[in-house]
Amino acid sequence: MRYQILATDYDGTLAHNGVVDAPTIAALKNLLATGRRLVLVTGRELPQLQITFPHLDLFEWVVAENGALLYHPATKEELLLAEPPPARFSEALRANGCEPLSVGRVVVATYEPHQQLVLKTIQNFGLELQIIFNKGAVMVLPAGVNKASGLTAALKEMGLSPHNAVGVGDAENDQAMLKLCEFSAAVSNALTALKEAVDWVTPAGHGQGVAQLIERMIASDLADLDGKLTWHHLELGVGEDGPVCLPPYGPSVLIAGPSASGKSTVATQIVETLVEGRYQFCLIDPEGDYENFEQAVVLGGPKAAPQLGEVLRVLENPEASVVVSMTGMPIPDRPPFFLKLLPQLLQMRAQLGRPHWLILDEAHHLLPAEWLPPKGMLPDELISMVLITVHPDLLSAAILERLDTLLAIGPEAADILQHFAQAGKTPMPIWKNKPPAMGEVLHWTRAGNAPPQVVKTHPCQQERRRHQRKYAEGELPPERSFYFQGPEKKLNLRAQNLILFLQLADGVDDATWEHHRRAGDYSRWLKGSIKDADLAAEVACIEAIANIDPLEGRRQIRVAIERDYTLPATGPLPVPGANN
């Protein structure tokens, strides 16, 4: 279930003329019967609301005073979310004729046209307060306090994410709350500006409109309206007809291709997009490829095996994602560990709607072809999952037939496509074009009639940093290394990374250095072996300077390399002849 919670405004939305009718109350109860939860988000003060609305116990939390007060009906607990303005502020308003004036636990409220007096009083006292309008009402609150901040506090108490929330409202002060929710709706009597900003407008107004929204939540989990949420989609890259995206909920993706084909680059780009969208993920990492991922909590590693309880405890925080590194576990222990973790992650999803995505690197180690799942262990559909493997036939058939989207990489993409289609008992799509090149994937979805297409993927920052470290300190194979040989090939000094290149460049004689510079060998190596066209172009410009002093040429190329690439913590190597 994607949408776990409905957050609704009161006046003008749930209520009409301050009263919620019996059919609307019945709709709220129907929603609760599905296991979903309710939060009321209102500008009203709590005592007034308790008198007006006798059904507060239907709501798990009430956000009152436009985000300043949190109330738990089951325990009668009240939590102030901000400091109230000083008493002299409201006293000054009254002394200057601001009536009616209501003072809550935090909020100070009046009506138009007193907003100018309110603003002048705020300025006179030098207070950090804001004015929020609500269909003629003028509410004064501490800066940063609104319905979105209040709903965020309620969701934190519930362990839920805004990505699993539906919001509905009718007025200006609902805008921040609706922007926070994954799906936003407005009742038909809402302000025009609000209706233009939301994902869906109910056909009816007030409580009847809320009941219509609830009916669609129960019937389809709003899947029939998912096409309106394209602004949430995760962009993979650019295809033949424009951007190609993954919906943030639903698809199960297989990334397949031979070793060193770029699978980790594509997977990391997807993970970075999830981070940017603040979707929670759990990434299972058998070989430690993601142990340096900075935007997630990494559990386990070469010196310590991950613990099941620890993984689940971190995921209790909707803002925290997890990389589960298995490098400290014996290889035979990894599949059993994962198969113990998987049901608990699926149960957590059923209760809370998250983690939003599960990502399995080297999935063939965890769910090999010979694995047969126990009856009832796997849902009929795998929702929001990414599996990364070398070839589809290495995976369990029970898993493969449940996947719906393929990202095939490398020269064997057509063969991978055929195996993927056969595993899902889907007719083989026609594909006779060239296989995807470096930086491209073959994208195909089983559902629908769209043919496969080549997508040029967006670069990922994490992979860029990993490559920087590899090229700076790692070891390139002999055929991709640089060799200082000189004009008569008397030397054969191999530089298998950028650090050694700079060391050898400082040590070779000027004749050898100049021979390679004039031939454009440095830029050619940087472009072909280091795969950095920008750096290669900059170095080519240095190589093209006709009478550059060898020492100055070395210095300029060193500066260009060290600006972009990570070198050891000891710092850059000294340049001969410089004042160090």
Protein backbone atom coordinates (compact mmCIF):
# COMPACT_ATOMS: atom_id res chain seq x y z
CA MET A 1 0.00 0.00 0.00
CA ARG A 2 1.58 3.23 -1.18
CA TYR A 3 -0.56 5.79 0.64
CA GLN A 4 -0.66 5.13 4.36
CA ILE A 5 -2.11 8.41 5.60
CA LEU A 6 -4.62 11.11 4.74
CA ALA A 7 -3.88 14.61 6.06
CA THR A 8 -6.90 16.87 5.79
CA ASP A 9 -7.74 20.47 6.54
CA TYR A 10 -10.87 21.16 8.60
CA ASP A 11 -12.76 24.35 7.72
CA GLY A 12 -13.85 24.50 4.08
CA THR A 13 -12.48 21.01 3.42
CA LEU A 14 -13.69 18.38 5.83
CA ALA A 15 -16.30 20.72 7.34
CA HIS A 16 -18.94 22.94 5.75
CA ASN A 17 -19.85 25.97 7.86
CA GLY A 18 -17.89 24.39 10.69
CA VAL A 19 -19.80 21.07 10.68
CA VAL A 20 -18.73 17.64 9.36
CA ASP A 21 -21.74 15.66 8.08
CA ALA A 22 -22.49 12.00 8.76
CA PRO A 23 -21.51 10.66 5.27
CA THR A 24 -18.08 12.27 5.63
CA ILE A 25 -17.62 10.70 9.08
CA ALA A 26 -18.58 7.34 7.57
CA ALA A 27 -15.97 7.81 4.81
CA LEU A 28 -13.27 8.54 7.40
CA LYS A 29 -14.17 5.33 9.25
CA ASN A 30 -14.04 3.37 5.98
CA LEU A 31 -10.53 4.64 5.37
CA LEU A 32 -9.42 3.63 8.86
CA ALA A 33 -10.83 0.13 8.23
CA THR A 34 -8.23 -0.34 5.46
CA GLY A 35 -5.38 0.15 7.93
CA ARG A 36 -4.66 3.69 6.81
CA ARG A 37 -4.30 6.55 9.28
CA LEU A 38 -5.68 10.08 9.65
CA VAL A 39 -4.17 13.43 10.64
CA LEU A 40 -6.22 16.61 10.97
CA VAL A 41 -4.30 19.76 10.06
CA THR A 42 -6.13 22.96 10.94
CA GLY A 43 -5.66 26.63 11.70
CA ARG A 44 -8.15 26.40 14.56
CA GLU A 45 -7.22 26.57 18.22
CA LEU A 46 -7.63 23.26 20.02
CA PRO A 47 -10.30 24.15 22.66
CA GLN A 48 -12.54 25.60 19.99
CA LEU A 49 -12.03 22.53 17.77
CA GLN A 50 -12.83 20.12 20.63
CA ILE A 51 -16.19 21.84 21.17
CA THR A 52 -17.04 22.03 17.47
CA PHE A 53 -15.94 18.56 16.33
CA PRO A 54 -16.77 15.58 18.58
CA HIS A 55 -14.98 13.03 16.36
CA LEU A 56 -11.35 13.99 17.00
CA ASP A 57 -10.69 10.44 18.20
CA LEU A 58 -10.80 9.30 14.55
CA PHE A 59 -7.50 11.12 14.03
CA GLU A 60 -4.20 9.77 15.30
CA TRP A 61 -2.80 13.30 15.54
CA VAL A 62 -4.24 16.78 15.26
CA VAL A 63 -2.03 19.60 14.03
CA ALA A 64 -3.68 22.74 15.41
CA GLU A 65 -2.95 26.48 15.27
CA ASN A 66 -1.67 26.16 11.69
CA GLY A 67 1.30 24.00 12.67
CA ALA A 68 2.16 25.34 16.12
CA LEU A 69 0.49 22.69 18.30
CA LEU A 70 0.42 18.89 18.11
CA TYR A 71 -2.38 17.02 19.90
CA HIS A 72 -2.73 13.26 20.43
CA PRO A 73 -6.46 12.51 20.98
CA ALA A 74 -5.84 9.01 22.36
CA THR A 75 -3.72 10.28 25.26
CA LYS A 76 -4.83 13.95 25.37
CA GLU A 77 -1.14 14.85 25.07
CA GLU A 78 -0.29 18.32 23.74
CA LEU A 79 3.08 19.26 22.25
CA LEU A 80 4.00 22.87 21.55
CA LEU A 81 6.03 23.10 18.35
CA ALA A 82 7.06 26.75 18.72
CA GLU A 83 7.47 29.53 21.28
CA PRO A 84 4.49 31.93 21.52
CA PRO A 85 4.94 35.64 20.79
CA PRO A 86 5.51 37.81 23.87
CA ALA A 87 2.35 38.98 25.67
CA ARG A 88 3.14 42.61 24.86
CA PHE A 89 2.57 41.85 21.17
CA SER A 90 -1.12 40.95 21.52
CA GLU A 91 -1.57 43.66 24.14
CA ALA A 92 -0.31 46.26 21.70
CA LEU A 93 -2.66 44.99 18.98
CA ARG A 94 -5.68 45.28 21.28
CA ALA A 95 -4.59 48.74 22.46
CA ASN A 96 -4.58 49.87 18.82
CA GLY A 97 -8.08 48.60 18.08
CA CYS A 98 -7.32 45.19 16.56
CA GLU A 99 -10.62 43.36 17.14
CA PRO A 100 -11.59 40.57 17.02
CA LEU A 101 -8.31 39.13 18.28
CA SER A 102 -7.76 35.53 19.35
CA VAL A 103 -4.68 34.37 21.26
CA GLY A 104 -3.97 30.64 21.29
CA ARG A 105 -1.15 28.64 22.78
CA VAL A 106 1.09 30.10 20.05
CA VAL A 107 -1.02 31.63 17.28
CA VAL A 108 -2.34 35.17 17.38
CA ALA A 109 -5.23 35.59 14.92
CA THR A 110 -7.44 38.35 13.60
CA TYR A 111 -9.08 39.25 10.28
CA GLU A 112 -8.50 41.53 7.34
CA PRO A 113 -8.00 44.51 7.08
CA HIS A 114 -5.88 44.44 10.25
CA GLN A 115 -2.85 42.94 8.47
CA GLN A 116 -1.12 46.32 8.14
CA LEU A 117 -1.47 46.99 11.86
CA VAL A 118 -0.17 43.49 12.60
CA LEU A 119 2.84 43.97 10.33
CA LYS A 120 3.64 47.39 11.82
CA THR A 121 3.47 45.96 15.36
CA ILE A 122 5.81 43.10 14.40
CA GLN A 123 8.28 45.64 13.02
CA ASN A 124 8.00 47.95 16.05
CA PHE A 125 8.87 45.12 18.44
CA GLY A 126 11.51 43.62 16.12
CA LEU A 127 9.93 40.16 16.31
CA GLU A 128 10.69 37.21 14.03
CA LEU A 129 7.07 36.51 13.19
CA GLN A 130 5.22 35.78 9.95
CA ILE A 131 1.69 36.48 8.70
CA ILE A 132 -0.31 33.65 7.12
CA PHE A 133 -3.63 34.30 5.35
CA ASN A 134 -6.61 31.97 5.27
CA LYS A 135 -9.66 33.27 3.34
CA GLY A 136 -9.72 36.59 5.17
CA ALA A 137 -8.23 35.33 8.43
CA VAL A 138 -4.85 36.78 9.47
CA MET A 139 -2.71 34.41 11.53
CA VAL A 140 0.57 35.39 13.19
CA LEU A 141 3.08 32.63 13.91
CA PRO A 142 6.82 32.28 14.50
CA ALA A 143 8.88 32.20 11.32
CA GLY A 144 8.99 28.77 9.70
CA VAL A 145 5.84 27.48 11.43
CA ASN A 146 3.10 26.38 9.05
CA LYS A 147 0.96 23.37 8.28
CA ALA A 148 3.87 21.62 6.58
CA SER A 149 6.13 21.92 9.62
CA GLY A 150 3.31 20.71 11.86
CA LEU A 151 2.50 17.75 9.62
CA THR A 152 6.21 16.88 9.48
CA ALA A 153 6.23 16.67 13.28
CA ALA A 154 3.14 14.44 13.27
CA LEU A 155 4.62 12.13 10.63
CA LYS A 156 7.79 11.81 12.69
CA GLU A 157 5.72 10.69 15.68
CA MET A 158 4.00 8.12 13.45
CA GLY A 159 7.18 6.88 11.75
CA LEU A 160 5.78 7.77 8.35
CA SER A 161 7.23 9.57 5.35
CA PRO A 162 5.58 12.41 3.40
CA HIS A 163 6.02 10.16 0.36
CA ASN A 164 3.27 7.95 1.80
CA ALA A 165 0.88 10.83 2.54
CA VAL A 166 -2.13 12.27 0.71
CA GLY A 167 -3.09 15.84 1.58
CA VAL A 168 -6.33 17.71 0.88
CA GLY A 169 -7.26 21.34 1.51
CA ASP A 170 -9.04 24.42 0.24
CA ALA A 171 -7.17 27.65 1.09
CA GLU A 172 -3.87 29.58 1.01
CA ASN A 173 -2.59 28.21 4.31
CA ASP A 174 -2.88 24.64 2.97
CA GLN A 175 -0.33 25.14 0.22
CA ALA A 176 2.78 24.22 2.24
CA MET A 177 1.14 21.05 3.59
CA LEU A 178 0.01 19.95 0.14
CA LYS A 179 3.46 20.49 -1.35
CA LEU A 180 4.90 18.27 1.37
CA CYS A 181 2.60 15.33 0.57
CA GLU A 182 3.32 12.88 -2.24
CA PHE A 183 -0.22 13.36 -3.57
CA SER A 184 -2.13 16.62 -3.19
CA ALA A 185 -5.82 17.26 -3.69
CA ALA A 186 -8.18 20.21 -3.41
CA VAL A 187 -11.93 20.12 -2.90
CA SER A 188 -13.94 21.76 -5.66
CA ASN A 189 -14.79 24.80 -3.50
CA ALA A 190 -11.08 25.57 -2.97
CA LEU A 191 -9.42 28.78 -4.10
CA THR A 192 -8.60 28.82 -7.79
CA ALA A 193 -4.87 29.24 -7.17
CA LEU A 194 -4.84 26.14 -4.97
CA LYS A 195 -6.78 24.04 -7.47
CA GLU A 196 -4.27 24.97 -10.16
CA ALA A 197 -1.37 23.80 -7.98
CA VAL A 198 -2.55 20.36 -6.82
CA ASP A 199 -2.48 16.91 -8.45
CA TRP A 200 -6.26 16.40 -8.41
CA VAL A 201 -9.43 18.39 -7.73
CA THR A 202 -12.40 16.49 -6.32
CA PRO A 203 -15.64 16.77 -8.31
CA ALA A 204 -17.58 17.76 -5.18
CA GLY A 205 -16.84 20.26 -2.46
CA HIS A 206 -16.21 20.13 1.28
CA GLY A 207 -16.71 16.76 3.02
CA GLN A 208 -18.30 15.17 -0.02
CA GLY A 209 -15.13 15.89 -1.97
CA VAL A 210 -12.99 14.37 0.80
CA ALA A 211 -15.24 11.28 0.67
CA GLN A 212 -14.63 11.02 -3.08
CA LEU A 213 -10.88 11.16 -2.48
CA ILE A 214 -11.18 8.45 0.19
CA GLU A 215 -13.22 6.27 -2.16
CA ARG A 216 -10.44 6.38 -4.76
CA MET A 217 -7.76 5.72 -2.13
CA ILE A 218 -9.62 2.57 -1.05
CA ALA A 219 -10.45 1.42 -4.58
CA SER A 220 -7.04 1.79 -6.24
CA ASP A 221 -4.56 3.42 -3.83
CA LEU A 222 -4.85 6.32 -6.32
CA ALA A 223 -3.03 4.26 -8.97
CA ASP A 224 -5.48 5.53 -11.58
CA LEU A 225 -4.22 9.08 -10.87
CA ASP A 226 -0.52 8.22 -10.92
CA GLY A 227 -0.12 9.77 -14.36
CA LYS A 228 -0.57 13.18 -12.74
CA LEU A 229 2.57 12.69 -10.60
CA THR A 230 5.19 12.90 -13.33
CA TRP A 231 6.97 15.65 -11.40
CA HIS A 232 7.96 12.94 -8.88
CA HIS A 233 9.43 10.62 -11.51
CA LEU A 234 13.08 9.54 -11.40
CA GLU A 235 14.84 10.53 -14.60
CA LEU A 236 17.26 7.92 -15.96
CA GLY A 237 18.45 9.77 -19.02
CA VAL A 238 17.40 10.76 -22.52
CA GLY A 239 15.95 8.41 -25.12
CA GLU A 240 14.83 8.78 -28.70
CA ASP A 241 11.75 10.81 -27.77
CA GLY A 242 13.04 12.76 -24.78
CA PRO A 243 13.56 12.04 -21.07
CA VAL A 244 13.08 8.47 -19.86
CA CYS A 245 11.93 8.10 -16.24
CA LEU A 246 11.09 5.53 -13.62
CA PRO A 247 7.94 6.13 -11.58
CA PRO A 248 8.84 6.54 -7.89
CA TYR A 249 6.49 3.69 -6.96
CA GLY A 250 5.85 0.37 -8.62
CA PRO A 251 8.50 -0.68 -11.12
CA SER A 252 10.75 -3.66 -10.47
CA VAL A 253 13.97 -3.20 -12.42
CA LEU A 254 16.63 -5.60 -13.63
CA ILE A 255 20.02 -4.06 -14.46
CA ALA A 256 22.02 -6.65 -16.38
CA GLY A 257 25.31 -6.67 -18.22
CA PRO A 258 28.82 -8.15 -18.14
CA SER A 259 31.44 -7.14 -15.64
CA ALA A 260 32.87 -3.62 -16.10
CA SER A 261 30.03 -2.72 -18.47
CA GLY A 262 28.73 0.13 -16.31
CA LYS A 263 26.03 -1.58 -14.20
CA SER A 264 27.23 0.07 -10.98
CA THR A 265 27.22 3.47 -12.69
CA VAL A 266 23.56 3.08 -13.71
CA ALA A 267 22.58 1.73 -10.29
CA THR A 268 24.40 4.54 -8.49
CA GLN A 269 22.67 7.13 -10.66
CA ILE A 270 19.29 5.65 -9.65
CA VAL A 271 20.30 5.69 -5.97
CA GLU A 272 21.46 9.31 -6.23
CA THR A 273 18.10 10.22 -7.77
CA LEU A 274 16.34 8.54 -4.84
CA VAL A 275 18.50 10.53 -2.43
CA GLU A 276 17.65 13.76 -4.24
CA GLY A 277 13.94 12.95 -3.99
CA ARG A 278 14.32 11.95 -0.31
CA TYR A 279 13.02 8.42 -0.90
CA GLN A 280 14.23 5.86 1.62
CA PHE A 281 16.13 2.87 0.28
CA CYS A 282 17.81 -0.27 1.59
CA LEU A 283 20.72 -1.41 -0.59
CA ILE A 284 22.12 -4.93 -0.13
CA ASP A 285 25.83 -4.85 -1.03
CA PRO A 286 27.50 -8.31 -1.07
CA GLU A 287 30.86 -7.11 -2.41
CA GLY A 288 31.37 -3.70 -0.77
CA ASP A 289 30.89 -1.59 -3.90
CA TYR A 290 28.81 0.96 -1.98
CA GLU A 291 30.70 1.08 1.33
CA ASN A 292 31.74 4.68 0.61
CA PHE A 293 28.28 5.91 -0.29
CA GLU A 294 28.01 9.13 1.68
CA GLN A 295 24.24 9.66 1.61
CA ALA A 296 23.33 6.49 3.51
CA VAL A 297 24.19 4.72 6.75
CA VAL A 298 26.62 1.89 5.92
CA LEU A 299 26.21 -1.14 8.18
CA GLY A 300 28.76 -3.94 8.11
CA GLY A 301 32.02 -4.03 6.22
CA PRO A 302 35.25 -6.01 5.99
CA LYS A 303 35.72 -6.07 9.77
CA ALA A 304 32.13 -6.53 10.97
CA ALA A 305 29.08 -8.37 9.69
CA PRO A 306 25.79 -6.42 9.60
CA GLN A 307 23.12 -7.23 12.18
CA LEU A 308 19.45 -7.67 11.29
CA GLY A 309 18.20 -5.65 14.24
CA GLU A 310 20.59 -2.83 13.47
CA VAL A 311 19.35 -2.56 9.88
CA LEU A 312 15.72 -2.33 11.01
CA ARG A 313 16.51 0.18 13.76
CA VAL A 314 18.16 2.58 11.31
CA LEU A 315 15.25 2.25 8.89
CA GLU A 316 12.83 3.30 11.65
CA ASN A 317 13.87 6.84 10.77
CA PRO A 318 12.10 7.74 7.49
CA GLU A 319 14.95 10.12 6.63
CA ALA A 320 17.67 7.42 6.87
CA SER A 321 18.65 5.01 4.10
CA VAL A 322 20.90 1.99 4.59
CA VAL A 323 23.67 0.20 2.72
CA VAL A 324 24.06 -3.35 4.09
CA SER A 325 27.65 -4.40 3.36
CA MET A 326 28.28 -8.15 3.52
CA THR A 327 32.03 -8.13 2.90
CA GLY A 328 32.68 -9.19 6.52
CA MET A 329 30.51 -12.30 6.15
CA PRO A 330 31.58 -15.67 4.75
CA ILE A 331 30.13 -16.08 1.27
CA PRO A 332 27.87 -19.04 2.22
CA ASP A 333 26.31 -16.95 5.03
CA ARG A 334 25.19 -14.10 2.79
CA PRO A 335 22.08 -15.61 1.13
CA PRO A 336 20.64 -16.91 4.45
CA PHE A 337 21.18 -13.48 6.04
CA PHE A 338 19.37 -11.78 3.20
CA LEU A 339 16.50 -14.27 3.23
CA LYS A 340 15.98 -13.52 6.94
CA LEU A 341 16.06 -9.78 6.30
CA LEU A 342 13.77 -9.73 3.24
CA PRO A 343 10.50 -10.78 4.97
CA GLN A 344 11.08 -8.17 7.67
CA LEU A 345 11.63 -5.46 5.06
CA LEU A 346 8.45 -6.51 3.25
CA GLN A 347 6.52 -6.47 6.53
CA MET A 348 7.86 -2.99 7.29
CA ARG A 349 6.68 -1.87 3.88
CA ALA A 350 3.20 -3.27 4.55
CA GLN A 351 2.97 -1.34 7.82
CA LEU A 352 4.72 1.91 6.91
CA GLY A 353 5.04 1.99 3.13
CA ARG A 354 8.84 2.06 3.30
CA PRO A 355 11.70 1.60 2.67
CA HIS A 356 10.49 2.96 -0.62
CA TRP A 357 13.06 1.04 -2.67
CA LEU A 358 15.01 -2.20 -2.20
CA ILE A 359 18.22 -2.53 -4.22
CA LEU A 360 20.09 -5.84 -4.52
CA ASP A 361 23.59 -5.67 -5.95
CA GLU A 362 25.05 -8.94 -7.27
CA ALA A 363 21.53 -10.33 -6.93
CA HIS A 364 22.55 -13.73 -8.34
CA HIS A 365 24.56 -14.35 -5.15
CA LEU A 366 21.47 -13.71 -3.01
CA LEU A 367 18.72 -15.23 -5.18
CA PRO A 368 20.49 -17.75 -7.45
CA ALA A 369 18.82 -19.67 -10.25
CA GLU A 370 18.38 -22.78 -8.10
CA TRP A 371 16.55 -20.92 -5.29
CA LEU A 372 12.89 -21.77 -4.82
CA PRO A 373 11.02 -19.39 -2.50
CA PRO A 374 8.85 -20.90 0.24
CA LYS A 375 5.14 -20.57 -0.49
CA GLY A 376 3.84 -17.15 0.47
CA MET A 377 7.28 -15.60 1.00
CA LEU A 378 7.17 -13.40 -2.09
CA PRO A 379 4.28 -11.11 -3.04
CA ASP A 380 2.75 -11.58 -6.47
CA GLU A 381 4.31 -8.29 -7.51
CA LEU A 382 7.74 -6.96 -6.59
CA ILE A 383 7.24 -3.27 -5.92
CA SER A 384 10.00 -0.67 -6.33
CA MET A 385 12.97 -3.01 -6.46
CA VAL A 386 16.24 -2.94 -8.40
CA LEU A 387 18.21 -6.15 -8.98
CA ILE A 388 21.70 -5.96 -10.46
CA THR A 389 23.27 -9.02 -12.07
CA VAL A 390 25.46 -10.20 -14.93
CA HIS A 391 22.78 -12.12 -16.84
CA PRO A 392 19.08 -12.90 -16.27
CA ASP A 393 19.53 -16.68 -16.34
CA LEU A 394 21.65 -16.48 -13.16
CA LEU A 395 18.60 -15.36 -11.15
CA SER A 396 15.82 -17.44 -9.64
CA ALA A 397 12.96 -17.83 -12.09
CA ALA A 398 10.51 -16.93 -9.32
CA ILE A 399 12.17 -13.51 -9.07
CA LEU A 400 12.79 -12.96 -12.75
CA GLU A 401 9.18 -13.51 -13.78
CA ARG A 402 8.08 -10.81 -11.30
CA LEU A 403 10.33 -8.09 -12.75
CA ASP A 404 8.84 -5.70 -15.28
CA THR A 405 11.58 -3.29 -16.44
CA LEU A 406 14.94 -4.11 -18.02
CA LEU A 407 18.06 -1.97 -18.29
CA ALA A 408 20.49 -4.01 -20.40
CA ILE A 409 24.07 -2.86 -20.79
CA GLY A 410 26.91 -3.78 -23.11
CA PRO A 411 27.32 -5.76 -26.33
CA GLU A 412 25.14 -8.66 -25.07
CA ALA A 413 22.09 -6.43 -24.57
CA ALA A 414 20.02 -8.18 -27.26
CA ASP A 415 20.69 -11.60 -25.70
CA ILE A 416 19.81 -10.24 -22.25
CA LEU A 417 16.59 -8.79 -23.69
CA GLN A 418 15.63 -12.18 -25.14
CA HIS A 419 16.19 -14.02 -21.85
CA PHE A 420 14.27 -11.37 -19.93
CA ALA A 421 11.28 -11.60 -22.28
CA GLN A 422 11.25 -15.41 -22.15
CA ALA A 423 11.42 -15.49 -18.35
CA GLY A 424 8.31 -13.30 -18.16
CA LYS A 425 6.52 -15.33 -20.86
CA THR A 426 6.37 -12.13 -22.90
CA PRO A 427 6.67 -12.00 -26.71
CA MET A 428 10.19 -11.11 -27.75
CA PRO A 429 10.26 -7.45 -28.81
CA ILE A 430 11.85 -6.62 -32.13
CA TRP A 431 15.35 -5.23 -31.66
CA LYS A 432 17.83 -5.10 -34.55
CA ASN A 433 19.72 -1.93 -33.76
CA LYS A 434 23.26 -1.56 -32.48
CA PRO A 435 23.86 -2.49 -28.83
CA PRO A 436 24.13 0.40 -26.38
CA ALA A 437 27.48 2.15 -26.26
CA MET A 438 29.36 3.26 -23.15
CA GLY A 439 27.08 5.51 -21.10
CA GLU A 440 23.94 4.02 -22.65
CA VAL A 441 21.42 1.33 -21.66
CA LEU A 442 18.78 -0.63 -23.52
CA HIS A 443 15.47 0.15 -21.76
CA TRP A 444 12.37 -1.99 -22.08
CA THR A 445 9.21 -2.52 -20.02
CA ARG A 446 7.12 -5.66 -20.38
CA ALA A 447 3.82 -3.85 -19.90
CA GLY A 448 2.44 -1.89 -22.82
CA ASN A 449 3.48 -1.86 -26.45
CA ALA A 450 6.48 0.45 -26.32
CA PRO A 451 9.50 -1.00 -28.14
CA PRO A 452 12.95 -1.17 -26.52
CA GLN A 453 15.00 2.00 -26.81
CA VAL A 454 18.54 3.09 -26.15
CA VAL A 455 18.81 5.65 -23.36
CA LYS A 456 21.82 7.86 -22.77
CA THR A 457 22.02 7.84 -18.97
CA HIS A 458 22.84 10.82 -16.82
CA PRO A 459 26.28 10.78 -15.16
CA CYS A 460 26.43 10.03 -11.45
CA GLN A 461 28.51 11.96 -8.94
CA GLN A 462 29.38 8.95 -6.76
CA GLU A 463 30.85 7.01 -9.68
CA ARG A 464 32.77 10.08 -10.74
CA ARG A 465 34.40 10.26 -7.30
CA ARG A 466 35.11 6.53 -7.34
CA HIS A 467 36.80 6.83 -10.73
CA GLN A 468 38.81 9.81 -9.52
CA ARG A 469 40.24 7.75 -6.68
CA LYS A 470 40.84 4.79 -8.98
CA TYR A 471 42.69 6.79 -11.60
CA ALA A 472 44.64 8.77 -9.02
CA GLU A 473 45.78 5.86 -6.83
CA GLY A 474 44.60 2.62 -8.44
CA GLU A 475 46.24 0.49 -11.11
CA LEU A 476 45.28 0.64 -14.74
CA PRO A 477 46.06 -2.44 -16.85
CA PRO A 478 49.25 -2.32 -18.96
CA GLU A 479 47.40 -1.53 -22.18
CA ARG A 480 45.83 1.58 -20.59
CA SER A 481 48.91 2.80 -18.74
CA PHE A 482 51.13 5.65 -19.94
CA TYR A 483 54.71 4.84 -20.99
CA PHE A 484 57.49 7.43 -20.99
CA GLN A 485 59.76 6.19 -23.82
CA GLY A 486 61.39 9.30 -25.27
CA PRO A 487 62.34 10.19 -28.85
CA GLU A 488 64.56 7.12 -29.36
CA LYS A 489 62.52 4.76 -27.14
CA LYS A 490 65.43 4.26 -24.79
CA LEU A 491 63.04 4.33 -21.81
CA ASN A 492 59.95 2.29 -20.93
CA LEU A 493 58.70 3.83 -17.70
CA ARG A 494 55.12 2.75 -16.96
CA ALA A 495 52.63 5.04 -15.17
CA GLN A 496 49.59 2.98 -14.19
CA ASN A 497 47.82 5.87 -12.44
CA LEU A 498 47.96 9.65 -12.20
CA ILE A 499 50.18 9.77 -9.12
CA LEU A 500 52.89 7.73 -10.85
CA PHE A 501 52.41 9.77 -14.01
CA LEU A 502 53.20 12.97 -12.12
CA GLN A 503 56.13 11.34 -10.30
CA LEU A 504 57.67 10.04 -13.52
CA ALA A 505 57.00 13.31 -15.33
CA ASP A 506 59.09 15.11 -12.73
CA GLY A 507 61.92 12.56 -13.07
CA VAL A 508 62.32 12.13 -16.82
CA ASP A 509 64.68 14.32 -18.79
CA ASP A 510 63.42 17.32 -20.74
CA ALA A 511 63.92 15.63 -24.10
CA THR A 512 61.63 12.76 -23.14
CA TRP A 513 59.01 15.14 -21.67
CA GLU A 514 59.02 17.37 -24.74
CA HIS A 515 58.85 14.42 -27.15
CA HIS A 516 55.54 13.29 -25.70
CA ARG A 517 54.21 16.84 -25.27
CA ARG A 518 54.79 17.75 -28.93
CA ALA A 519 53.16 14.49 -30.02
CA GLY A 520 50.06 15.19 -27.91
CA ASP A 521 50.55 11.93 -26.03
CA TYR A 522 49.47 13.29 -22.64
CA SER A 523 46.05 14.54 -23.74
CA ARG A 524 45.54 11.42 -25.87
CA TRP A 525 46.14 9.20 -22.81
CA LEU A 526 43.89 11.28 -20.57
CA LYS A 527 41.08 11.07 -23.09
CA GLY A 528 41.44 7.41 -24.07
CA SER A 529 42.50 5.74 -20.83
CA ILE A 530 41.43 8.11 -18.05
CA LYS A 531 38.16 8.89 -19.90
CA ASP A 532 38.25 12.59 -19.02
CA ALA A 533 37.56 14.59 -22.17
CA ASP A 534 37.51 17.93 -20.33
CA LEU A 535 40.89 17.39 -18.71
CA ALA A 536 42.29 16.06 -22.00
CA ALA A 537 41.14 19.21 -23.82
CA GLU A 538 42.78 21.45 -21.22
CA VAL A 539 46.05 19.51 -21.41
CA ALA A 540 45.92 19.62 -25.22
CA CYS A 541 45.91 23.40 -25.01
CA ILE A 542 49.04 23.28 -22.84
CA GLU A 543 50.68 20.86 -25.26
CA ALA A 544 49.96 23.27 -28.11
CA ILE A 545 51.98 26.14 -26.60
CA ALA A 546 54.94 26.19 -28.97
CA ASN A 547 57.80 27.49 -26.83
CA ILE A 548 56.64 26.61 -23.33
CA ASP A 549 59.46 25.87 -20.91
CA PRO A 550 59.51 22.14 -19.97
CA LEU A 551 59.36 23.00 -16.27
CA GLU A 552 56.39 25.32 -16.80
CA GLY A 553 54.64 22.72 -18.98
CA ARG A 554 54.98 20.15 -16.21
CA ARG A 555 53.63 22.62 -13.66
CA GLN A 556 50.57 23.56 -15.70
CA ILE A 557 49.64 19.93 -16.42
CA ARG A 558 50.14 19.06 -12.73
CA VAL A 559 47.82 21.88 -11.69
CA ALA A 560 45.13 20.70 -14.14
CA ILE A 561 45.30 17.10 -12.90
CA GLU A 562 45.42 17.90 -9.18
CA ARG A 563 42.44 20.22 -9.42
CA ASP A 564 40.14 17.40 -10.52
CA TYR A 565 41.58 14.26 -8.96
CA THR A 566 41.91 13.03 -5.40
CA LEU A 567 45.53 12.54 -4.37
CA PRO A 568 46.92 11.13 -1.11
CA ALA A 569 46.44 12.95 2.18
CA THR A 570 50.13 13.86 2.22
CA GLY A 571 49.34 16.46 -0.42
CA PRO A 572 50.71 17.08 -3.92
CA LEU A 573 54.23 16.09 -4.75
CA PRO A 574 56.78 18.93 -4.88
CA VAL A 575 57.60 20.41 -8.25
CA PRO A 576 61.36 20.41 -8.91
CA GLY A 577 62.77 23.91 -8.84
CA ALA A 578 59.76 25.42 -7.05
CA ASN A 579 60.01 27.16 -3.67
CA ASN A 580 58.55 24.44 -1.45
